[in-house]
Amino acid sequence: MTDRPASGPDRPASGPDRPASGPDPVPAVDSALTGDELNELFHASWPGHRDTDFAPVLARRLLHVTARRDGRLVGYVNVVGDGGAHAFLLDTTVHPDERRRGLGVALVRAAAEAARERGARWLHVDFEPHLTRFYEECGFRSTAAGLMRLDP
């Protein structure tokens, strides 16, 4: 579960549809990435996002997958690992202008393959119920899991 609002990579963009320009974004594993780019993407994608220092997040990751259109970051997913068989998918984000075109699924599948190549045997993800169909399309199956909130 996440504190993010009820939106996600499978939710249609709000506002007028804007045609995409340039070639379709292609997922790239561990491409150069800055916190400023992530904040810009998260501001566009997650209402109420506050600027975040992503340096610790990027330093502790197993890998990340990005996608760009005309040099602009339009997709991101982070994968962290336990150093063994388990990896965890976090922050799947697709810019609202790029949603409903398969980019989110492509990002998650690229992350799964890269995690497998780096030794993970299991990829975990937590998500809100409205994202079930999206994550099933990515190859996940629903399981029972526990969650404990640690902040007040």
Foldseek 3Di string as FASTA:
>chain_A
DDPFPPDAQAHAFPDDADDADADDWAKDKADDDALVLVQVQCVQWTPPDDRDHCVVVVVQFPIKIFTDGPNHTFWIWTWGAPPAQEIEIDDTGGGNNPGPPCPSLNRLLVVVVVVVVVHHNYYDYDDDPVCQVVVVSSPDDDDDDDDDDDDD
